[in-house]
Amino acid sequence: MNSSRLIKTFYSIKPFIPRKLQIAIRRKIVESKQKKVSDIWPILEKAGNPPEWWQGWPEGKKFAVVLTHDVESQRGHDNCRALADVEKSFGFRSIFNFVPERYNVSAQLRQWLINEGFEIGVHGLFHDGKLFKSRQIFTDRAIKINSYLEKWNAKGFRAPAMHHNLDWLRALDIQFDMSTFDTDPFEPQNDGVETIFPFWVDGGPYEGFVELPYTLPQDFTSFVLFKERNIDTWKQKTRWIANNGGMVLLNVHPDYITFQASDSGNETYSIALYREFLQFLQAEFTDAYWTALPGQVANFIKGSTKDPVYRPPSRKFEIS
């Protein structure tokens, strides 16, 4: 069985597999692929080529930094304030993407985040891996997703498990989407958009949206699957993105972060690693980057793109 079919099979039976075994299986999958994809991960050289219309970042900054968080469980939800406080201590702000119908999303927490300068996004509807299983399922769920976008006054979306179909996403009333990546062969739908720059997706009832691909490996991949205990990969790719004038977009899950050593386990990592990354940005790139919320980047791209550019995935991957 080839790797793509293996991954599809795994995700089709995932709901019936104990969590500990899920992690063990995924570790075996990524280990089997790691050496084979060293030419495209963590760096895909051609992704550093700017689009023809690119004119640079605001204020003459060398590159951009965008911090994002997908909140997948009640545990992650309850860690949001602590994570936000860490970012505030370094002068950063980020977006927190919540799953509307998987756990209790506190209105008080959402308002607190907004009051503190953070942004709120919608992360699917149930986080059950079925959002893109059929066009009808997506269409039905899009109605409810749009209702949460309106209720929360949210302008951004990210699909669970980074499943994506940019054509279908035009049905959402969003200013930006974050469901893609420049290159990541370890994702279940592993077709990268092959760019470290945001881009415009035109059309649909809401006239299109800005796509913001993540460009650094996700924390779950680095610290849970690969069991890394340093941020060398993040540093390596951040330097490469900075040299190419692109966008450092990182996705960190509060679900997997521990704020006390006694809480560490099979699928968690210490907040110290994330603190180190924020310190690294400030120490090595002082005043060189534009740190912005996804909504700010979307407004900038929409205002600077005269000829909308749609970048389809490099290869199709049918989700089972």
C-alpha atoms as a PDB file:
ATOM      1  CA  MET A   1       0.000   0.000   0.000  1.00  0.00           C
ATOM      2  CA  ASN A   2       1.465   3.390  -0.979  1.00  0.00           C
ATOM      3  CA  SER A   3       1.806   6.171   1.592  1.00  0.00           C
ATOM      4  CA  SER A   4      -1.190   8.191   0.324  1.00  0.00           C
ATOM      5  CA  ARG A   5      -3.538   5.208   0.554  1.00  0.00           C
ATOM      6  CA  LEU A   6      -2.109   4.324   3.966  1.00  0.00           C
ATOM      7  CA  ILE A   7      -2.846   7.804   5.279  1.00  0.00           C
ATOM      8  CA  LYS A   8      -6.378   7.785   3.818  1.00  0.00           C
ATOM      9  CA  THR A   9      -7.050   4.383   5.376  1.00  0.00           C
ATOM     10  CA  PHE A  10      -5.789   5.584   8.739  1.00  0.00           C
ATOM     11  CA  TYR A  11      -8.039   8.654   8.753  1.00  0.00           C
ATOM     12  CA  SER A  12     -11.092   6.642   7.758  1.00  0.00           C
ATOM     13  CA  ILE A  13     -10.746   4.375  10.828  1.00  0.00           C
ATOM     14  CA  LYS A  14      -9.224   7.000  13.142  1.00  0.00           C
ATOM     15  CA  PRO A  15     -12.414   7.571  15.211  1.00  0.00           C
ATOM     16  CA  PHE A  16     -12.317   3.933  16.323  1.00  0.00           C
ATOM     17  CA  ILE A  17      -8.640   3.889  17.366  1.00  0.00           C
ATOM     18  CA  PRO A  18      -7.560   4.726  20.951  1.00  0.00           C
ATOM     19  CA  ARG A  19      -5.721   8.053  21.085  1.00  0.00           C
ATOM     20  CA  LYS A  20      -2.436   6.549  22.291  1.00  0.00           C
ATOM     21  CA  LEU A  21      -2.444   4.081  19.400  1.00  0.00           C
ATOM     22  CA  GLN A  22      -3.323   6.882  16.954  1.00  0.00           C
ATOM     23  CA  ILE A  23      -0.166   8.742  17.961  1.00  0.00           C
ATOM     24  CA  ALA A  24       1.948   5.603  17.650  1.00  0.00           C
ATOM     25  CA  ILE A  25       0.602   4.894  14.150  1.00  0.00           C
ATOM     26  CA  ARG A  26       1.144   8.452  12.972  1.00  0.00           C
ATOM     27  CA  ARG A  27       4.704   8.392  14.312  1.00  0.00           C
ATOM     28  CA  LYS A  28       5.396   5.279  12.240  1.00  0.00           C
ATOM     29  CA  ILE A  29       3.895   6.942   9.154  1.00  0.00           C
ATOM     30  CA  VAL A  30       5.991  10.111   9.436  1.00  0.00           C
ATOM     31  CA  GLU A  31       9.157   8.178  10.256  1.00  0.00           C
ATOM     32  CA  SER A  32       8.712   6.094   7.107  1.00  0.00           C
ATOM     33  CA  LYS A  33       8.378   9.249   4.981  1.00  0.00           C
ATOM     34  CA  GLN A  34      10.888  11.607   6.580  1.00  0.00           C
ATOM     35  CA  LYS A  35      14.015  10.675   4.624  1.00  0.00           C
ATOM     36  CA  LYS A  36      12.096  10.406   1.346  1.00  0.00           C
ATOM     37  CA  VAL A  37      10.848  14.013   1.502  1.00  0.00           C
ATOM     38  CA  SER A  38      13.968  15.845   2.627  1.00  0.00           C
ATOM     39  CA  ASP A  39      14.019  17.721  -0.702  1.00  0.00           C
ATOM     40  CA  ILE A  40      10.606  19.330  -0.042  1.00  0.00           C
ATOM     41  CA  TRP A  41      10.414  19.524   3.764  1.00  0.00           C
ATOM     42  CA  PRO A  42      10.789  21.553   5.865  1.00  0.00           C
ATOM     43  CA  ILE A  43      11.941  23.823   3.019  1.00  0.00           C
ATOM     44  CA  LEU A  44      10.641  23.780  -0.549  1.00  0.00           C
ATOM     45  CA  GLU A  45      13.015  26.090  -2.382  1.00  0.00           C
ATOM     46  CA  LYS A  46      10.630  27.146  -5.132  1.00  0.00           C
ATOM     47  CA  ALA A  47       8.095  28.273  -2.510  1.00  0.00           C
ATOM     48  CA  GLY A  48      10.398  31.220  -1.835  1.00  0.00           C
ATOM     49  CA  ASN A  49       9.729  32.780  -5.243  1.00  0.00           C
ATOM     50  CA  PRO A  50       7.487  35.839  -4.780  1.00  0.00           C
ATOM     51  CA  PRO A  51       4.428  36.241  -7.020  1.00  0.00           C
ATOM     52  CA  GLU A  52       4.736  38.637  -9.939  1.00  0.00           C
ATOM     53  CA  TRP A  53       2.503  41.230  -8.294  1.00  0.00           C
ATOM     54  CA  TRP A  54       4.413  41.237  -5.002  1.00  0.00           C
ATOM     55  CA  GLN A  55       5.550  44.702  -3.838  1.00  0.00           C
ATOM     56  CA  GLY A  56       6.731  43.947  -0.305  1.00  0.00           C
ATOM     57  CA  TRP A  57       5.417  44.247   3.242  1.00  0.00           C
ATOM     58  CA  PRO A  58       4.144  47.382   5.014  1.00  0.00           C
ATOM     59  CA  GLU A  59       6.647  49.856   6.426  1.00  0.00           C
ATOM     60  CA  GLY A  60       9.421  48.287   4.382  1.00  0.00           C
ATOM     61  CA  LYS A  61       9.633  45.282   6.698  1.00  0.00           C
ATOM     62  CA  LYS A  62      11.723  42.347   5.518  1.00  0.00           C
ATOM     63  CA  PHE A  63       9.152  39.642   6.263  1.00  0.00           C
ATOM     64  CA  ALA A  64       5.935  39.022   8.188  1.00  0.00           C
ATOM     65  CA  VAL A  65       5.156  37.031  11.338  1.00  0.00           C
ATOM     66  CA  VAL A  66       1.647  35.646  11.915  1.00  0.00           C
ATOM     67  CA  LEU A  67       0.816  33.542  14.985  1.00  0.00           C
ATOM     68  CA  THR A  68      -2.220  31.263  14.956  1.00  0.00           C
ATOM     69  CA  HIS A  69      -3.796  28.732  17.321  1.00  0.00           C
ATOM     70  CA  ASP A  70      -6.257  25.927  16.655  1.00  0.00           C
ATOM     71  CA  VAL A  71      -8.169  25.026  19.803  1.00  0.00           C
ATOM     72  CA  GLU A  72      -9.200  21.401  19.418  1.00  0.00           C
ATOM     73  CA  SER A  73     -10.550  20.416  22.840  1.00  0.00           C
ATOM     74  CA  GLN A  74     -11.834  21.683  26.161  1.00  0.00           C
ATOM     75  CA  ARG A  75      -8.305  21.373  27.546  1.00  0.00           C
ATOM     76  CA  GLY A  76      -6.997  23.627  24.810  1.00  0.00           C
ATOM     77  CA  HIS A  77      -9.842  26.062  25.398  1.00  0.00           C
ATOM     78  CA  ASP A  78      -8.950  26.259  29.078  1.00  0.00           C
ATOM     79  CA  ASN A  79      -5.281  26.959  28.217  1.00  0.00           C
ATOM     80  CA  CYS A  80      -6.015  29.912  25.948  1.00  0.00           C
ATOM     81  CA  ARG A  81      -5.644  32.680  28.520  1.00  0.00           C
ATOM     82  CA  ALA A  82      -2.305  31.356  29.742  1.00  0.00           C
ATOM     83  CA  LEU A  83      -1.013  31.112  26.176  1.00  0.00           C
ATOM     84  CA  ALA A  84      -2.267  34.598  25.343  1.00  0.00           C
ATOM     85  CA  ASP A  85      -0.534  35.961  28.430  1.00  0.00           C
ATOM     86  CA  VAL A  86       2.773  34.506  27.259  1.00  0.00           C
ATOM     87  CA  GLU A  87       2.401  36.216  23.891  1.00  0.00           C
ATOM     88  CA  LYS A  88       1.389  39.496  25.500  1.00  0.00           C
ATOM     89  CA  SER A  89       4.549  39.428  27.618  1.00  0.00           C
ATOM     90  CA  PHE A  90       6.583  39.515  24.380  1.00  0.00           C
ATOM     91  CA  GLY A  91       4.356  42.069  22.659  1.00  0.00           C
ATOM     92  CA  PHE A  92       2.747  39.612  20.214  1.00  0.00           C
ATOM     93  CA  ARG A  93      -0.893  39.023  19.368  1.00  0.00           C
ATOM     94  CA  SER A  94      -2.452  36.038  17.558  1.00  0.00           C
ATOM     95  CA  ILE A  95      -5.657  34.417  16.379  1.00  0.00           C
ATOM     96  CA  PHE A  96      -7.470  31.684  18.327  1.00  0.00           C
ATOM     97  CA  ASN A  97      -9.621  29.395  16.158  1.00  0.00           C
ATOM     98  CA  PHE A  98     -12.421  27.606  18.047  1.00  0.00           C
ATOM     99  CA  VAL A  99     -14.520  24.555  17.082  1.00  0.00           C
ATOM    100  CA  PRO A 100     -18.123  25.739  17.626  1.00  0.00           C
ATOM    101  CA  GLU A 101     -19.845  22.409  18.305  1.00  0.00           C
ATOM    102  CA  ARG A 102     -17.170  20.195  19.850  1.00  0.00           C
ATOM    103  CA  TYR A 103     -16.826  21.793  23.293  1.00  0.00           C
ATOM    104  CA  ASN A 104     -18.163  24.763  25.209  1.00  0.00           C
ATOM    105  CA  VAL A 105     -16.731  27.931  23.670  1.00  0.00           C
ATOM    106  CA  SER A 106     -16.919  30.603  26.343  1.00  0.00           C
ATOM    107  CA  ALA A 107     -18.306  33.949  25.259  1.00  0.00           C
ATOM    108  CA  GLN A 108     -16.346  35.514  28.115  1.00  0.00           C
ATOM    109  CA  LEU A 109     -13.089  34.049  26.828  1.00  0.00           C
ATOM    110  CA  ARG A 110     -13.771  35.245  23.296  1.00  0.00           C
ATOM    111  CA  GLN A 111     -14.530  38.753  24.523  1.00  0.00           C
ATOM    112  CA  TRP A 112     -11.454  38.804  26.759  1.00  0.00           C
ATOM    113  CA  LEU A 113      -9.233  37.828  23.830  1.00  0.00           C
ATOM    114  CA  ILE A 114     -10.743  40.518  21.615  1.00  0.00           C
ATOM    115  CA  ASN A 115     -10.383  43.137  24.365  1.00  0.00           C
ATOM    116  CA  GLU A 116      -6.702  42.187  24.699  1.00  0.00           C
ATOM    117  CA  GLY A 117      -6.061  42.698  20.989  1.00  0.00           C
ATOM    118  CA  PHE A 118      -6.297  39.104  19.776  1.00  0.00           C
ATOM    119  CA  GLU A 119      -8.431  37.765  16.944  1.00  0.00           C
ATOM    120  CA  ILE A 120     -11.084  35.020  16.845  1.00  0.00           C
ATOM    121  CA  GLY A 121     -11.598  32.492  14.045  1.00  0.00           C
ATOM    122  CA  VAL A 122     -13.773  29.446  13.345  1.00  0.00           C
ATOM    123  CA  HIS A 123     -12.132  26.013  13.166  1.00  0.00           C
ATOM    124  CA  GLY A 124     -14.581  23.801  11.299  1.00  0.00           C
ATOM    125  CA  LEU A 125     -17.827  22.793  12.982  1.00  0.00           C
ATOM    126  CA  PHE A 126     -17.349  19.422  14.722  1.00  0.00           C
ATOM    127  CA  HIS A 127     -13.686  18.516  14.017  1.00  0.00           C
ATOM    128  CA  ASP A 128     -14.745  15.054  12.857  1.00  0.00           C
ATOM    129  CA  GLY A 129     -12.821  14.870   9.571  1.00  0.00           C
ATOM    130  CA  LYS A 130     -15.990  14.885   7.458  1.00  0.00           C
ATOM    131  CA  LEU A 131     -16.285  18.522   6.401  1.00  0.00           C
ATOM    132  CA  PHE A 132     -15.033  17.839   2.857  1.00  0.00           C
ATOM    133  CA  LYS A 133     -16.274  14.261   2.542  1.00  0.00           C
ATOM    134  CA  SER A 134     -18.924  15.395   0.032  1.00  0.00           C
ATOM    135  CA  ARG A 135     -20.116  18.645  -1.494  1.00  0.00           C
ATOM    136  CA  GLN A 136     -23.506  18.210   0.181  1.00  0.00           C
ATOM    137  CA  ILE A 137     -21.973  17.798   3.639  1.00  0.00           C
ATOM    138  CA  PHE A 138     -19.853  20.896   3.114  1.00  0.00           C
ATOM    139  CA  THR A 139     -22.791  22.933   1.804  1.00  0.00           C
ATOM    140  CA  ASP A 140     -24.970  21.975   4.777  1.00  0.00           C
ATOM    141  CA  ARG A 141     -22.240  22.736   7.304  1.00  0.00           C
ATOM    142  CA  ALA A 142     -21.254  25.967   5.588  1.00  0.00           C
ATOM    143  CA  ILE A 143     -24.633  27.431   6.561  1.00  0.00           C
ATOM    144  CA  LYS A 144     -23.942  26.795  10.254  1.00  0.00           C
ATOM    145  CA  ILE A 145     -20.302  27.868   9.970  1.00  0.00           C
ATOM    146  CA  ASN A 146     -21.422  31.165   8.473  1.00  0.00           C
ATOM    147  CA  SER A 147     -23.823  31.632  11.361  1.00  0.00           C
ATOM    148  CA  TYR A 148     -20.962  31.250  13.855  1.00  0.00           C
ATOM    149  CA  LEU A 149     -18.775  33.602  11.840  1.00  0.00           C
ATOM    150  CA  GLU A 150     -21.517  36.207  12.112  1.00  0.00           C
ATOM    151  CA  LYS A 151     -22.292  35.518  15.772  1.00  0.00           C
ATOM    152  CA  TRP A 152     -18.637  35.741  16.793  1.00  0.00           C
ATOM    153  CA  ASN A 153     -17.874  38.616  14.404  1.00  0.00           C
ATOM    154  CA  ALA A 154     -15.095  36.418  13.025  1.00  0.00           C
ATOM    155  CA  LYS A 155     -13.549  36.974   9.599  1.00  0.00           C
ATOM    156  CA  GLY A 156     -11.305  33.924   9.330  1.00  0.00           C
ATOM    157  CA  PHE A 157     -11.542  30.155   9.013  1.00  0.00           C
ATOM    158  CA  ARG A 158      -9.333  27.108   9.237  1.00  0.00           C
ATOM    159  CA  ALA A 159     -10.528  23.592   8.505  1.00  0.00           C
ATOM    160  CA  PRO A 160      -9.688  20.779  10.921  1.00  0.00           C
ATOM    161  CA  ALA A 161      -6.770  18.543   9.902  1.00  0.00           C
ATOM    162  CA  MET A 162      -5.879  21.106   7.226  1.00  0.00           C
ATOM    163  CA  HIS A 163      -8.356  19.530   4.812  1.00  0.00           C
ATOM    164  CA  HIS A 164      -9.086  22.045   2.080  1.00  0.00           C
ATOM    165  CA  ASN A 165     -10.861  22.771  -1.159  1.00  0.00           C
ATOM    166  CA  LEU A 166     -10.403  26.403  -2.079  1.00  0.00           C
ATOM    167  CA  ASP A 167     -13.251  26.269  -4.576  1.00  0.00           C
ATOM    168  CA  TRP A 168     -15.749  25.100  -1.955  1.00  0.00           C
ATOM    169  CA  LEU A 169     -14.457  27.556   0.639  1.00  0.00           C
ATOM    170  CA  ARG A 170     -15.845  30.386  -1.479  1.00  0.00           C
ATOM    171  CA  ALA A 171     -19.216  29.518   0.109  1.00  0.00           C
ATOM    172  CA  LEU A 172     -17.991  30.871   3.459  1.00  0.00           C
ATOM    173  CA  ASP A 173     -18.440  34.525   4.383  1.00  0.00           C
ATOM    174  CA  ILE A 174     -14.765  35.044   5.245  1.00  0.00           C
ATOM    175  CA  GLN A 175     -12.016  37.538   4.577  1.00  0.00           C
ATOM    176  CA  PHE A 176      -9.289  34.922   4.940  1.00  0.00           C
ATOM    177  CA  ASP A 177      -8.688  31.191   5.183  1.00  0.00           C
ATOM    178  CA  MET A 178      -5.721  29.366   6.769  1.00  0.00           C
ATOM    179  CA  SER A 179      -6.322  25.737   5.726  1.00  0.00           C
ATOM    180  CA  THR A 180      -3.275  25.287   3.495  1.00  0.00           C
ATOM    181  CA  PHE A 181       0.513  25.199   3.783  1.00  0.00           C
ATOM    182  CA  ASP A 182       3.511  25.803   1.556  1.00  0.00           C
ATOM    183  CA  THR A 183       4.795  22.246   1.971  1.00  0.00           C
ATOM    184  CA  ASP A 184       3.962  19.518   4.469  1.00  0.00           C
ATOM    185  CA  PRO A 185       4.072  15.891   3.273  1.00  0.00           C
ATOM    186  CA  PHE A 186       2.949  14.693   6.700  1.00  0.00           C
ATOM    187  CA  GLU A 187      -0.553  16.132   6.479  1.00  0.00           C
ATOM    188  CA  PRO A 188      -3.466  13.812   5.559  1.00  0.00           C
ATOM    189  CA  GLN A 189      -4.204  16.015   2.529  1.00  0.00           C
ATOM    190  CA  ASN A 190      -0.643  16.815   1.613  1.00  0.00           C
ATOM    191  CA  ASP A 191      -0.978  18.998  -1.481  1.00  0.00           C
ATOM    192  CA  GLY A 192       0.943  22.160  -0.668  1.00  0.00           C
ATOM    193  CA  VAL A 193       0.280  25.507  -2.335  1.00  0.00           C
ATOM    194  CA  GLU A 194       4.044  25.903  -2.815  1.00  0.00           C
ATOM    195  CA  THR A 195       4.383  29.513  -1.699  1.00  0.00           C
ATOM    196  CA  ILE A 196       5.383  31.318   1.498  1.00  0.00           C
ATOM    197  CA  PHE A 197       3.323  34.334   0.438  1.00  0.00           C
ATOM    198  CA  PRO A 198      -0.408  34.987   0.979  1.00  0.00           C
ATOM    199  CA  PHE A 199      -2.570  35.068  -2.117  1.00  0.00           C
ATOM    200  CA  TRP A 200      -6.056  35.986  -3.267  1.00  0.00           C
ATOM    201  CA  VAL A 201      -8.736  33.412  -4.136  1.00  0.00           C
ATOM    202  CA  ASP A 202     -11.265  35.074  -6.399  1.00  0.00           C
ATOM    203  CA  GLY A 203     -14.980  34.501  -6.879  1.00  0.00           C
ATOM    204  CA  GLY A 204     -17.967  33.069  -5.055  1.00  0.00           C
ATOM    205  CA  PRO A 205     -20.966  34.799  -3.472  1.00  0.00           C
ATOM    206  CA  TYR A 206     -18.684  36.756  -1.136  1.00  0.00           C
ATOM    207  CA  GLU A 207     -16.234  37.897  -3.856  1.00  0.00           C
ATOM    208  CA  GLY A 208     -13.288  35.835  -2.654  1.00  0.00           C
ATOM    209  CA  PHE A 209     -10.844  35.698   0.239  1.00  0.00           C
ATOM    210  CA  VAL A 210      -7.146  35.818   1.074  1.00  0.00           C
ATOM    211  CA  GLU A 211      -5.413  32.494   1.615  1.00  0.00           C
ATOM    212  CA  LEU A 212      -2.772  32.410   4.360  1.00  0.00           C
ATOM    213  CA  PRO A 213      -0.766  29.166   4.217  1.00  0.00           C
ATOM    214  CA  TYR A 214       1.135  28.057   7.278  1.00  0.00           C
ATOM    215  CA  THR A 215       4.859  28.019   6.589  1.00  0.00           C
ATOM    216  CA  LEU A 216       6.481  26.594   9.715  1.00  0.00           C
ATOM    217  CA  PRO A 217       5.950  22.958  10.769  1.00  0.00           C
ATOM    218  CA  GLN A 218       3.061  22.646  13.202  1.00  0.00           C
ATOM    219  CA  ASP A 219       3.886  22.078  16.863  1.00  0.00           C
ATOM    220  CA  PHE A 220       2.089  18.719  16.793  1.00  0.00           C
ATOM    221  CA  THR A 221       4.325  17.501  13.957  1.00  0.00           C
ATOM    222  CA  SER A 222       7.567  18.705  15.525  1.00  0.00           C
ATOM    223  CA  PHE A 223       7.050  18.011  19.208  1.00  0.00           C
ATOM    224  CA  VAL A 224       4.499  15.176  19.330  1.00  0.00           C
ATOM    225  CA  LEU A 225       5.123  13.115  16.204  1.00  0.00           C
ATOM    226  CA  PHE A 226       8.864  13.726  15.798  1.00  0.00           C
ATOM    227  CA  LYS A 227       9.359  14.162  19.571  1.00  0.00           C
ATOM    228  CA  GLU A 228      11.789  17.021  19.011  1.00  0.00           C
ATOM    229  CA  ARG A 229      12.854  18.888  22.132  1.00  0.00           C
ATOM    230  CA  ASN A 230      14.316  21.979  20.521  1.00  0.00           C
ATOM    231  CA  ILE A 231      13.175  24.592  18.006  1.00  0.00           C
ATOM    232  CA  ASP A 232      16.021  24.138  15.522  1.00  0.00           C
ATOM    233  CA  THR A 233      13.628  23.381  12.639  1.00  0.00           C
ATOM    234  CA  TRP A 234      11.575  26.505  13.371  1.00  0.00           C
ATOM    235  CA  LYS A 235      14.756  28.585  13.504  1.00  0.00           C
ATOM    236  CA  GLN A 236      16.120  27.122  10.278  1.00  0.00           C
ATOM    237  CA  LYS A 237      12.991  27.786   8.286  1.00  0.00           C
ATOM    238  CA  THR A 238      12.332  31.206   9.822  1.00  0.00           C
ATOM    239  CA  ARG A 239      15.765  32.341   8.665  1.00  0.00           C
ATOM    240  CA  TRP A 240      15.066  31.000   5.175  1.00  0.00           C
ATOM    241  CA  ILE A 241      11.659  32.724   5.012  1.00  0.00           C
ATOM    242  CA  ALA A 242      13.189  35.984   6.248  1.00  0.00           C
ATOM    243  CA  ASN A 243      15.886  35.801   3.560  1.00  0.00           C
ATOM    244  CA  ASN A 244      13.173  35.302   0.931  1.00  0.00           C
ATOM    245  CA  GLY A 245      10.909  38.055   2.276  1.00  0.00           C
ATOM    246  CA  GLY A 246       7.944  35.766   2.891  1.00  0.00           C
ATOM    247  CA  MET A 247       5.468  35.109   5.700  1.00  0.00           C
ATOM    248  CA  VAL A 248       6.311  33.147   8.834  1.00  0.00           C
ATOM    249  CA  LEU A 249       2.937  31.674   9.786  1.00  0.00           C
ATOM    250  CA  LEU A 250       2.952  29.282  12.728  1.00  0.00           C
ATOM    251  CA  ASN A 251       0.132  27.133  14.080  1.00  0.00           C
ATOM    252  CA  VAL A 252       0.448  26.285  17.777  1.00  0.00           C
ATOM    253  CA  HIS A 253      -2.206  24.278  19.640  1.00  0.00           C
ATOM    254  CA  PRO A 254      -2.898  25.154  23.286  1.00  0.00           C
ATOM    255  CA  ASP A 255      -4.135  21.552  23.624  1.00  0.00           C
ATOM    256  CA  TYR A 256      -0.578  20.182  23.473  1.00  0.00           C
ATOM    257  CA  ILE A 257       1.178  22.796  25.602  1.00  0.00           C
ATOM    258  CA  THR A 258       2.015  22.209  29.255  1.00  0.00           C
ATOM    259  CA  PHE A 259       2.584  25.111  31.585  1.00  0.00           C
ATOM    260  CA  GLN A 260       3.900  22.926  34.419  1.00  0.00           C
ATOM    261  CA  ALA A 261       6.515  20.168  34.146  1.00  0.00           C
ATOM    262  CA  SER A 262       4.283  17.771  36.060  1.00  0.00           C
ATOM    263  CA  ASP A 263       1.709  17.897  33.237  1.00  0.00           C
ATOM    264  CA  SER A 264       4.017  16.520  30.540  1.00  0.00           C
ATOM    265  CA  GLY A 265       2.903  13.400  28.701  1.00  0.00           C
ATOM    266  CA  ASN A 266       2.869  11.424  25.457  1.00  0.00           C
ATOM    267  CA  GLU A 267       1.425  14.243  23.337  1.00  0.00           C
ATOM    268  CA  THR A 268       2.450  17.434  25.091  1.00  0.00           C
ATOM    269  CA  TYR A 269       5.419  19.777  25.150  1.00  0.00           C
ATOM    270  CA  SER A 270       6.606  22.576  27.407  1.00  0.00           C
ATOM    271  CA  ILE A 271       5.587  26.186  26.923  1.00  0.00           C
ATOM    272  CA  ALA A 272       9.323  26.899  27.252  1.00  0.00           C
ATOM    273  CA  LEU A 273       9.799  25.900  23.594  1.00  0.00           C
ATOM    274  CA  TYR A 274       7.271  28.461  22.401  1.00  0.00           C
ATOM    275  CA  ARG A 275       8.733  31.112  24.685  1.00  0.00           C
ATOM    276  CA  GLU A 276      12.135  30.398  23.159  1.00  0.00           C
ATOM    277  CA  PHE A 277      10.746  30.913  19.663  1.00  0.00           C
ATOM    278  CA  LEU A 278       9.263  34.307  20.540  1.00  0.00           C
ATOM    279  CA  GLN A 279      12.559  35.294  22.160  1.00  0.00           C
ATOM    280  CA  PHE A 280      14.415  34.123  19.055  1.00  0.00           C
ATOM    281  CA  LEU A 281      12.280  36.337  16.812  1.00  0.00           C
ATOM    282  CA  GLN A 282      12.916  39.400  18.935  1.00  0.00           C
ATOM    283  CA  ALA A 283      16.637  38.778  19.420  1.00  0.00           C
ATOM    284  CA  GLU A 284      17.612  37.850  15.860  1.00  0.00           C
ATOM    285  CA  PHE A 285      15.204  39.960  13.800  1.00  0.00           C
ATOM    286  CA  THR A 286      14.722  43.160  15.777  1.00  0.00           C
ATOM    287  CA  ASP A 287      12.505  45.569  13.788  1.00  0.00           C
ATOM    288  CA  ALA A 288      12.905  43.425  10.640  1.00  0.00           C
ATOM    289  CA  TYR A 289       9.464  41.812  10.625  1.00  0.00           C
ATOM    290  CA  TRP A 290       5.873  42.988  10.455  1.00  0.00           C
ATOM    291  CA  THR A 291       3.962  41.187  13.186  1.00  0.00           C
ATOM    292  CA  ALA A 292       0.298  41.181  12.280  1.00  0.00           C
ATOM    293  CA  LEU A 293      -2.998  39.441  12.893  1.00  0.00           C
ATOM    294  CA  PRO A 294      -4.341  37.363   9.986  1.00  0.00           C
ATOM    295  CA  GLY A 295      -7.090  39.930   9.418  1.00  0.00           C
ATOM    296  CA  GLN A 296      -4.504  42.683   9.031  1.00  0.00           C
ATOM    297  CA  VAL A 297      -2.555  40.632   6.506  1.00  0.00           C
ATOM    298  CA  ALA A 298      -5.767  39.885   4.593  1.00  0.00           C
ATOM    299  CA  ASN A 299      -6.659  43.579   4.409  1.00  0.00           C
ATOM    300  CA  PHE A 300      -3.156  44.401   3.196  1.00  0.00           C
ATOM    301  CA  ILE A 301      -3.178  41.727   0.486  1.00  0.00           C
ATOM    302  CA  LYS A 302      -6.676  42.589  -0.692  1.00  0.00           C
ATOM    303  CA  GLY A 303      -5.678  46.228  -1.017  1.00  0.00           C
ATOM    304  CA  SER A 304      -2.406  45.546  -2.831  1.00  0.00           C
ATOM    305  CA  THR A 305      -3.425  42.847  -5.321  1.00  0.00           C
ATOM    306  CA  LYS A 306      -4.588  44.463  -8.540  1.00  0.00           C
ATOM    307  CA  ASP A 307      -4.843  41.184 -10.450  1.00  0.00           C
ATOM    308  CA  PRO A 308      -6.322  38.445  -8.216  1.00  0.00           C
ATOM    309  CA  VAL A 309      -4.225  35.310  -8.260  1.00  0.00           C
ATOM    310  CA  TYR A 310      -5.641  31.866  -7.648  1.00  0.00           C
ATOM    311  CA  ARG A 311      -3.008  29.237  -6.845  1.00  0.00           C
ATOM    312  CA  PRO A 312      -4.524  25.747  -7.072  1.00  0.00           C
ATOM    313  CA  PRO A 313      -2.932  22.872  -5.119  1.00  0.00           C
ATOM    314  CA  SER A 314      -0.039  21.269  -6.968  1.00  0.00           C
ATOM    315  CA  ARG A 315      -1.720  17.879  -6.920  1.00  0.00           C
ATOM    316  CA  LYS A 316      -5.141  16.552  -5.991  1.00  0.00           C
ATOM    317  CA  PHE A 317      -5.753  14.361  -2.964  1.00  0.00           C
ATOM    318  CA  GLU A 318      -9.195  12.882  -2.473  1.00  0.00           C
ATOM    319  CA  ILE A 319     -10.191  12.676   1.185  1.00  0.00           C
ATOM    320  CA  SER A 320     -11.936   9.470   2.148  1.00  0.00           C
END
